[in-house]
């Protein structure tokens, strides 16, 4: 198959960490992906994944990322649609600036890492959450038929 017969969408997610807390966005239903989630979004062409991550954190939180640590990739493929959705995941332990008073994606909340998984969040984010804090990198690959996400084949590799 020819590479240009596939649709690929590139996204980024950044877990902002401060001591024993992380910064999450509490997204309302109207924004899609409701619940708590780390900042992130689509990588604009021709940005690199890291440039997109830095920009998304700034736009969604007001914070300036001083240093990113690459943690891994999560991707979802729908073979019969020739579709691939890839998320580059980072952790940021060094940020500066002040949080936005009226953030565009939802309320910004500092949450204790060991309490975060008790909050409402998407199942795919809950699955990914612990890997931000493990040594090394990760790859989460999901193959889905495009119908019922519970039927997706998921493989997780710690690298």
N, C-alpha and C. Protein backbone atom coordinates (compact mmCIF):
# COMPACT_ATOMS: atom_id res chain seq x y z
N UNK A 1 0.83 -1.18 0.00
CA UNK A 1 0.00 0.00 0.00
C UNK A 1 0.88 1.25 0.00
N UNK A 2 0.44 2.27 -0.65
CA UNK A 2 1.16 3.52 -0.75
C UNK A 2 0.94 4.36 0.51
N UNK A 3 1.99 5.02 1.00
CA UNK A 3 1.89 5.80 2.25
C UNK A 3 0.83 6.88 2.18
N UNK A 4 0.57 7.46 1.01
CA UNK A 4 -0.41 8.55 0.93
C UNK A 4 -1.85 8.04 0.84
N UNK A 5 -2.04 6.74 1.00
CA UNK A 5 -3.40 6.18 1.04
C UNK A 5 -3.92 6.11 2.48
N UNK A 6 -3.13 6.61 3.44
CA UNK A 6 -3.50 6.59 4.84
C UNK A 6 -3.72 8.00 5.36
N UNK A 7 -4.69 8.14 6.25
CA UNK A 7 -4.87 9.42 6.96
C UNK A 7 -4.21 9.28 8.32
N UNK A 8 -3.37 10.25 8.67
CA UNK A 8 -2.71 10.26 9.97
C UNK A 8 -2.98 11.60 10.63
N UNK A 9 -3.41 11.55 11.88
CA UNK A 9 -3.60 12.76 12.67
C UNK A 9 -2.62 12.70 13.83
N UNK A 10 -1.92 13.82 14.09
CA UNK A 10 -0.92 13.88 15.14
C UNK A 10 -1.36 14.81 16.25
N UNK A 11 -1.25 14.31 17.48
CA UNK A 11 -1.64 15.06 18.66
C UNK A 11 -0.54 14.99 19.70
N UNK A 12 -0.68 15.77 20.74
CA UNK A 12 0.28 15.78 21.83
C UNK A 12 -0.46 15.87 23.15
N UNK A 13 0.16 15.36 24.20
CA UNK A 13 -0.38 15.48 25.55
C UNK A 13 0.80 15.72 26.49
N UNK A 14 0.60 16.64 27.46
CA UNK A 14 1.66 16.98 28.39
C UNK A 14 1.14 16.89 29.82
N UNK A 15 1.79 16.03 30.60
CA UNK A 15 1.49 15.93 32.02
C UNK A 15 2.39 16.93 32.74
N UNK A 16 1.80 18.01 33.25
CA UNK A 16 2.56 19.02 34.00
C UNK A 16 2.59 18.56 35.46
N UNK A 17 3.81 18.36 35.97
CA UNK A 17 3.99 17.81 37.31
C UNK A 17 4.66 18.84 38.22
N UNK A 18 4.16 18.91 39.44
CA UNK A 18 4.72 19.80 40.47
C UNK A 18 4.71 19.02 41.78
N UNK A 19 5.90 18.62 42.22
CA UNK A 19 6.05 17.80 43.42
C UNK A 19 5.13 16.58 43.34
N UNK A 20 4.14 16.46 44.22
CA UNK A 20 3.27 15.28 44.20
C UNK A 20 1.93 15.56 43.52
N UNK A 21 1.88 16.62 42.70
CA UNK A 21 0.63 17.00 42.02
C UNK A 21 0.83 17.06 40.50
N UNK A 22 -0.28 16.96 39.79
CA UNK A 22 -0.30 17.16 38.34
C UNK A 22 -1.41 18.15 38.01
N UNK A 23 -1.22 18.85 36.91
CA UNK A 23 -2.21 19.81 36.44
C UNK A 23 -3.12 19.13 35.42
N UNK A 24 -4.40 19.10 35.71
CA UNK A 24 -5.36 18.50 34.80
C UNK A 24 -6.40 19.53 34.39
N UNK A 25 -6.97 19.29 33.22
CA UNK A 25 -8.06 20.12 32.72
C UNK A 25 -9.35 19.36 32.97
N UNK A 26 -10.27 19.99 33.67
CA UNK A 26 -11.59 19.39 33.90
C UNK A 26 -12.49 19.84 32.76
N UNK A 27 -12.60 18.98 31.75
CA UNK A 27 -13.32 19.34 30.53
C UNK A 27 -14.83 19.13 30.68
N UNK A 28 -15.61 20.12 30.26
CA UNK A 28 -17.07 19.96 30.28
C UNK A 28 -17.52 19.07 29.12
N UNK A 29 -18.71 18.51 29.24
CA UNK A 29 -19.26 17.63 28.20
C UNK A 29 -19.24 18.28 26.83
N UNK A 30 -19.56 19.57 26.76
CA UNK A 30 -19.69 20.26 25.47
C UNK A 30 -18.38 20.33 24.69
N UNK A 31 -17.24 20.13 25.36
CA UNK A 31 -15.94 20.18 24.70
C UNK A 31 -15.52 18.83 24.13
N UNK A 32 -16.24 17.77 24.43
CA UNK A 32 -15.81 16.43 24.03
C UNK A 32 -14.76 15.93 25.01
N UNK A 33 -14.58 14.63 25.08
CA UNK A 33 -13.67 14.01 26.06
C UNK A 33 -13.89 14.60 27.44
N UNK A 34 -15.11 14.55 27.98
CA UNK A 34 -15.37 15.15 29.30
C UNK A 34 -14.61 14.43 30.41
N UNK A 35 -14.41 15.14 31.48
CA UNK A 35 -13.69 14.60 32.62
C UNK A 35 -12.31 15.24 32.70
N UNK A 36 -11.47 14.68 33.54
CA UNK A 36 -10.13 15.22 33.75
C UNK A 36 -9.15 14.63 32.74
N UNK A 37 -8.29 15.50 32.22
CA UNK A 37 -7.34 15.10 31.18
C UNK A 37 -6.15 16.05 31.25
N UNK A 38 -5.02 15.60 30.79
CA UNK A 38 -3.84 16.47 30.73
C UNK A 38 -3.96 17.42 29.53
N UNK A 39 -3.30 18.57 29.58
CA UNK A 39 -3.33 19.49 28.44
C UNK A 39 -2.74 18.85 27.19
N UNK A 40 -3.22 19.28 26.06
CA UNK A 40 -2.69 18.78 24.79
C UNK A 40 -3.65 19.07 23.67
N UNK A 41 -3.27 18.63 22.48
CA UNK A 41 -4.13 18.86 21.32
C UNK A 41 -3.40 18.57 20.03
N UNK A 42 -3.98 19.01 18.95
CA UNK A 42 -3.48 18.72 17.61
C UNK A 42 -2.15 19.43 17.36
N UNK A 43 -1.26 18.73 16.70
CA UNK A 43 0.02 19.31 16.28
C UNK A 43 -0.23 20.01 14.95
N UNK A 44 0.03 21.31 14.91
CA UNK A 44 -0.18 22.08 13.69
C UNK A 44 0.99 21.86 12.72
N UNK A 45 0.68 21.75 11.45
CA UNK A 45 1.72 21.63 10.43
C UNK A 45 2.35 23.00 10.22
N UNK A 46 3.64 23.13 10.18
CA UNK A 46 4.70 22.12 10.17
C UNK A 46 5.42 21.97 11.51
N UNK A 47 4.73 22.16 12.64
CA UNK A 47 5.35 22.02 13.95
C UNK A 47 5.92 20.62 14.17
N UNK A 48 6.93 20.56 15.02
CA UNK A 48 7.39 19.26 15.52
C UNK A 48 6.46 18.87 16.66
N UNK A 49 6.46 17.59 17.07
CA UNK A 49 5.63 17.21 18.22
C UNK A 49 5.96 18.01 19.47
N UNK A 50 7.23 18.25 19.76
CA UNK A 50 7.61 19.02 20.95
C UNK A 50 7.12 20.46 20.85
N UNK A 51 7.24 21.07 19.67
CA UNK A 51 6.75 22.44 19.49
C UNK A 51 5.24 22.50 19.72
N UNK A 52 4.52 21.51 19.20
CA UNK A 52 3.07 21.45 19.41
C UNK A 52 2.72 21.29 20.88
N UNK A 53 3.49 20.47 21.59
CA UNK A 53 3.25 20.25 23.02
C UNK A 53 3.43 21.54 23.80
N UNK A 54 4.51 22.24 23.52
CA UNK A 54 4.79 23.51 24.22
C UNK A 54 3.70 24.53 23.94
N UNK A 55 3.29 24.64 22.68
CA UNK A 55 2.24 25.59 22.30
C UNK A 55 0.92 25.24 22.97
N UNK A 56 0.55 23.96 22.94
CA UNK A 56 -0.73 23.54 23.53
C UNK A 56 -0.79 23.83 25.03
N UNK A 57 0.31 23.58 25.75
CA UNK A 57 0.33 23.88 27.19
C UNK A 57 0.13 25.37 27.40
N UNK A 58 0.80 26.18 26.61
CA UNK A 58 0.68 27.64 26.75
C UNK A 58 -0.75 28.09 26.46
N UNK A 59 -1.35 27.59 25.37
CA UNK A 59 -2.71 28.00 24.99
C UNK A 59 -3.75 27.55 26.02
N UNK A 60 -3.60 26.33 26.54
CA UNK A 60 -4.62 25.77 27.43
C UNK A 60 -4.45 26.15 28.89
N UNK A 61 -3.21 26.50 29.30
CA UNK A 61 -2.97 26.75 30.73
C UNK A 61 -2.36 28.11 31.02
N UNK A 62 -1.67 28.70 30.06
CA UNK A 62 -0.93 29.94 30.29
C UNK A 62 0.50 29.70 30.73
N UNK A 63 0.87 28.46 31.00
CA UNK A 63 2.21 28.15 31.47
C UNK A 63 3.20 28.00 30.32
N UNK A 64 4.42 28.38 30.58
CA UNK A 64 5.50 28.22 29.61
C UNK A 64 6.34 27.01 30.03
N UNK A 65 6.43 26.04 29.14
CA UNK A 65 7.21 24.84 29.41
C UNK A 65 8.69 25.17 29.24
N UNK A 66 9.47 24.86 30.27
CA UNK A 66 10.91 25.10 30.22
C UNK A 66 11.66 23.88 29.69
N UNK A 67 11.12 22.70 29.96
CA UNK A 67 11.78 21.46 29.54
C UNK A 67 10.74 20.35 29.45
N UNK A 68 10.79 19.60 28.37
CA UNK A 68 9.90 18.46 28.17
C UNK A 68 10.69 17.16 28.27
N UNK A 69 10.05 16.13 28.78
CA UNK A 69 10.63 14.79 28.79
C UNK A 69 9.67 13.91 28.00
N UNK A 70 10.17 13.30 26.92
CA UNK A 70 9.33 12.42 26.11
C UNK A 70 9.05 11.14 26.88
N UNK A 71 7.76 10.75 26.95
CA UNK A 71 7.37 9.55 27.70
C UNK A 71 6.88 8.42 26.81
N UNK A 72 6.32 8.72 25.66
CA UNK A 72 5.87 7.63 24.81
C UNK A 72 4.80 8.04 23.82
N UNK A 73 4.34 7.04 23.11
CA UNK A 73 3.33 7.25 22.05
C UNK A 73 2.13 6.37 22.34
N UNK A 74 0.97 6.93 22.13
CA UNK A 74 -0.25 6.12 22.09
C UNK A 74 -0.88 6.34 20.73
N UNK A 75 -1.26 5.25 20.10
CA UNK A 75 -1.90 5.39 18.80
C UNK A 75 -3.09 4.47 18.68
N UNK A 76 -4.01 4.92 17.86
CA UNK A 76 -5.22 4.18 17.56
C UNK A 76 -5.27 4.04 16.05
N UNK A 77 -5.43 2.82 15.57
CA UNK A 77 -5.58 2.60 14.13
C UNK A 77 -6.93 1.95 13.85
N UNK A 78 -7.52 2.38 12.75
CA UNK A 78 -8.75 1.77 12.25
C UNK A 78 -8.39 1.25 10.86
N UNK A 79 -7.98 -0.04 10.77
CA UNK A 79 -7.44 -0.57 9.51
C UNK A 79 -8.34 -0.41 8.29
N UNK A 80 -9.62 -0.70 8.41
CA UNK A 80 -10.48 -0.65 7.23
C UNK A 80 -10.71 0.78 6.72
N UNK A 81 -10.36 1.77 7.54
CA UNK A 81 -10.48 3.17 7.12
C UNK A 81 -9.12 3.77 6.78
N UNK A 82 -8.05 2.96 6.90
CA UNK A 82 -6.68 3.45 6.66
C UNK A 82 -6.40 4.70 7.49
N UNK A 83 -6.77 4.64 8.76
CA UNK A 83 -6.69 5.80 9.65
C UNK A 83 -5.78 5.50 10.84
N UNK A 84 -4.91 6.46 11.17
CA UNK A 84 -4.01 6.36 12.33
C UNK A 84 -4.06 7.69 13.09
N UNK A 85 -4.29 7.59 14.41
CA UNK A 85 -4.36 8.73 15.32
C UNK A 85 -3.21 8.52 16.31
N UNK A 86 -2.21 9.40 16.31
CA UNK A 86 -1.02 9.24 17.13
C UNK A 86 -0.88 10.40 18.10
N UNK A 87 -0.62 10.06 19.38
CA UNK A 87 -0.43 11.06 20.42
C UNK A 87 0.99 10.93 20.98
N UNK A 88 1.76 12.01 20.91
CA UNK A 88 3.08 12.10 21.51
C UNK A 88 2.89 12.59 22.95
N UNK A 89 3.38 11.82 23.91
CA UNK A 89 3.16 12.11 25.32
C UNK A 89 4.45 12.59 25.99
N UNK A 90 4.32 13.65 26.77
CA UNK A 90 5.46 14.25 27.45
C UNK A 90 5.09 14.51 28.91
N UNK A 91 6.14 14.70 29.71
CA UNK A 91 5.95 15.20 31.06
C UNK A 91 6.76 16.48 31.17
N UNK A 92 6.22 17.47 31.86
CA UNK A 92 6.91 18.75 32.07
C UNK A 92 7.00 18.98 33.57
N UNK A 93 8.22 19.01 34.07
CA UNK A 93 8.43 19.25 35.50
C UNK A 93 8.93 20.66 35.74
N UNK A 94 9.28 21.34 34.67
CA UNK A 94 9.79 22.71 34.77
C UNK A 94 8.93 23.62 33.90
N UNK A 95 8.10 24.43 34.56
CA UNK A 95 7.24 25.39 33.86
C UNK A 95 7.32 26.71 34.60
N UNK A 96 6.95 27.77 33.90
CA UNK A 96 6.90 29.09 34.54
C UNK A 96 5.62 29.79 34.09
N UNK A 97 5.31 30.88 34.78
CA UNK A 97 4.12 31.66 34.43
C UNK A 97 2.97 31.39 35.36
N UNK A 98 1.85 32.00 35.03
CA UNK A 98 0.63 31.90 35.84
C UNK A 98 -0.46 31.20 35.05
N UNK A 99 -1.30 30.46 35.75
CA UNK A 99 -2.43 29.80 35.10
C UNK A 99 -3.42 30.84 34.58
N UNK A 100 -4.03 30.51 33.46
CA UNK A 100 -5.07 31.38 32.89
C UNK A 100 -6.26 31.47 33.83
N UNK A 101 -6.86 32.64 33.88
CA UNK A 101 -8.07 32.81 34.70
C UNK A 101 -9.29 32.19 34.02
N UNK A 102 -9.35 32.26 32.70
CA UNK A 102 -10.46 31.69 31.94
C UNK A 102 -9.91 30.75 30.87
N UNK A 103 -9.46 29.57 31.26
CA UNK A 103 -8.86 28.66 30.29
C UNK A 103 -9.88 28.20 29.25
N UNK A 104 -9.45 28.01 27.99
CA UNK A 104 -10.38 27.70 26.91
C UNK A 104 -10.97 26.29 26.92
N UNK A 105 -10.27 25.33 27.53
CA UNK A 105 -10.72 23.94 27.43
C UNK A 105 -11.45 23.43 28.67
N UNK A 106 -11.42 24.19 29.77
CA UNK A 106 -12.06 23.75 30.99
C UNK A 106 -11.27 24.21 32.20
N UNK A 107 -11.81 23.94 33.37
CA UNK A 107 -11.19 24.37 34.63
C UNK A 107 -9.84 23.67 34.83
N UNK A 108 -8.83 24.43 35.26
CA UNK A 108 -7.51 23.88 35.56
C UNK A 108 -7.44 23.54 37.04
N UNK A 109 -7.03 22.30 37.34
CA UNK A 109 -6.97 21.86 38.74
C UNK A 109 -5.67 21.12 39.00
N UNK A 110 -5.03 21.48 40.13
CA UNK A 110 -3.88 20.72 40.61
C UNK A 110 -4.42 19.57 41.44
N UNK A 111 -3.99 18.36 41.11
CA UNK A 111 -4.50 17.15 41.73
C UNK A 111 -3.33 16.32 42.24
N UNK A 112 -3.47 15.74 43.41
CA UNK A 112 -2.45 14.82 43.92
C UNK A 112 -2.38 13.61 42.98
N UNK A 113 -1.16 13.24 42.59
CA UNK A 113 -1.00 12.12 41.66
C UNK A 113 -1.68 10.85 42.16
N UNK A 114 -1.55 10.57 43.44
CA UNK A 114 -2.11 9.33 43.95
C UNK A 114 -3.63 9.37 44.13
N UNK A 115 -4.26 10.51 43.86
CA UNK A 115 -5.72 10.63 43.93
C UNK A 115 -6.35 10.85 42.55
N UNK A 116 -5.53 11.10 41.54
CA UNK A 116 -6.04 11.48 40.22
C UNK A 116 -6.93 10.42 39.59
N UNK A 117 -6.56 9.16 39.73
CA UNK A 117 -7.33 8.10 39.07
C UNK A 117 -8.72 7.90 39.66
N UNK A 118 -9.00 8.55 40.79
CA UNK A 118 -10.34 8.50 41.38
C UNK A 118 -11.29 9.48 40.72
N UNK A 119 -10.74 10.42 39.94
CA UNK A 119 -11.55 11.45 39.28
C UNK A 119 -12.20 10.90 38.02
N UNK A 120 -13.30 11.52 37.58
CA UNK A 120 -13.89 11.11 36.31
C UNK A 120 -12.92 11.44 35.17
N UNK A 121 -12.65 10.44 34.32
CA UNK A 121 -11.79 10.65 33.16
C UNK A 121 -12.07 9.57 32.13
N UNK A 122 -11.67 9.85 30.91
CA UNK A 122 -11.83 8.89 29.83
C UNK A 122 -11.02 7.64 30.14
N UNK A 123 -11.51 6.48 29.76
CA UNK A 123 -10.83 5.22 30.06
C UNK A 123 -9.44 5.16 29.43
N UNK A 124 -9.28 5.70 28.22
CA UNK A 124 -7.97 5.66 27.57
C UNK A 124 -6.96 6.54 28.30
N UNK A 125 -7.41 7.65 28.90
CA UNK A 125 -6.50 8.49 29.67
C UNK A 125 -6.15 7.82 31.00
N UNK A 126 -7.11 7.19 31.61
CA UNK A 126 -6.88 6.47 32.87
C UNK A 126 -5.84 5.36 32.63
N UNK A 127 -5.95 4.66 31.51
CA UNK A 127 -4.99 3.60 31.17
C UNK A 127 -3.58 4.18 30.97
N UNK A 128 -3.49 5.32 30.33
CA UNK A 128 -2.21 5.95 30.01
C UNK A 128 -1.55 6.62 31.21
N UNK A 129 -2.33 7.12 32.13
CA UNK A 129 -1.86 7.96 33.24
C UNK A 129 -0.63 7.42 33.97
N UNK A 130 -0.61 6.16 34.44
CA UNK A 130 0.54 5.69 35.22
C UNK A 130 1.86 5.69 34.45
N UNK A 131 1.80 5.56 33.13
CA UNK A 131 3.02 5.46 32.33
C UNK A 131 3.80 6.77 32.25
N UNK A 132 3.15 7.88 32.56
CA UNK A 132 3.87 9.15 32.60
C UNK A 132 4.93 9.15 33.71
N UNK A 133 4.72 8.36 34.74
CA UNK A 133 5.56 8.41 35.94
C UNK A 133 6.50 7.22 36.09
N UNK A 134 6.45 6.30 35.14
CA UNK A 134 7.35 5.16 35.17
C UNK A 134 8.65 5.52 34.45
N UNK A 135 9.72 4.83 34.82
CA UNK A 135 11.00 5.02 34.13
C UNK A 135 10.87 4.53 32.69
N UNK A 136 11.60 5.15 31.79
CA UNK A 136 11.57 4.73 30.40
C UNK A 136 10.41 5.33 29.63
N UNK A 137 10.12 4.72 28.49
CA UNK A 137 9.05 5.20 27.62
C UNK A 137 8.02 4.09 27.42
N UNK A 138 6.92 4.45 26.80
CA UNK A 138 5.85 3.48 26.55
C UNK A 138 5.32 3.61 25.14
N UNK A 139 4.70 2.52 24.71
CA UNK A 139 3.95 2.52 23.45
C UNK A 139 2.64 1.80 23.72
N UNK A 140 1.55 2.50 23.46
CA UNK A 140 0.22 1.89 23.57
C UNK A 140 -0.35 1.91 22.16
N UNK A 141 -0.68 0.75 21.65
CA UNK A 141 -1.19 0.61 20.29
C UNK A 141 -2.56 -0.05 20.35
N UNK A 142 -3.56 0.62 19.79
CA UNK A 142 -4.91 0.07 19.77
C UNK A 142 -5.36 -0.10 18.32
N UNK A 143 -5.88 -1.25 18.03
CA UNK A 143 -6.47 -1.53 16.72
C UNK A 143 -7.96 -1.67 16.95
N UNK A 144 -8.73 -0.89 16.21
CA UNK A 144 -10.16 -0.78 16.47
C UNK A 144 -10.94 -0.92 15.18
N UNK A 145 -12.14 -1.48 15.27
CA UNK A 145 -12.97 -1.63 14.08
C UNK A 145 -13.78 -0.38 13.76
N UNK A 146 -13.70 0.64 14.63
CA UNK A 146 -14.42 1.88 14.39
C UNK A 146 -15.83 1.88 14.94
N UNK A 147 -16.24 0.81 15.61
CA UNK A 147 -17.60 0.71 16.12
C UNK A 147 -17.65 0.85 17.64
N UNK A 148 -17.27 -0.20 18.35
CA UNK A 148 -17.36 -0.22 19.82
C UNK A 148 -15.94 -0.25 20.39
N UNK A 149 -15.54 0.83 21.05
CA UNK A 149 -14.16 0.93 21.57
C UNK A 149 -13.81 -0.17 22.56
N UNK A 150 -14.81 -0.75 23.19
CA UNK A 150 -14.54 -1.84 24.12
C UNK A 150 -13.97 -3.05 23.40
N UNK A 151 -14.16 -3.11 22.08
CA UNK A 151 -13.66 -4.24 21.28
C UNK A 151 -12.27 -3.99 20.70
N UNK A 152 -11.65 -2.88 21.02
CA UNK A 152 -10.33 -2.57 20.48
C UNK A 152 -9.29 -3.55 21.02
N UNK A 153 -8.36 -3.96 20.16
CA UNK A 153 -7.23 -4.78 20.58
C UNK A 153 -6.15 -3.81 21.06
N UNK A 154 -5.74 -3.91 22.31
CA UNK A 154 -4.78 -2.97 22.89
C UNK A 154 -3.51 -3.72 23.29
N UNK A 155 -2.37 -3.19 22.85
CA UNK A 155 -1.09 -3.73 23.34
C UNK A 155 -0.31 -2.58 23.97
N UNK A 156 0.33 -2.89 25.08
CA UNK A 156 1.11 -1.90 25.82
C UNK A 156 2.52 -2.43 25.98
N UNK A 157 3.48 -1.59 25.59
CA UNK A 157 4.89 -1.97 25.74
C UNK A 157 5.60 -0.89 26.56
N UNK A 158 6.34 -1.34 27.55
CA UNK A 158 7.22 -0.43 28.28
C UNK A 158 8.60 -0.60 27.66
N UNK A 159 9.17 0.48 27.19
CA UNK A 159 10.43 0.42 26.46
C UNK A 159 11.58 1.01 27.26
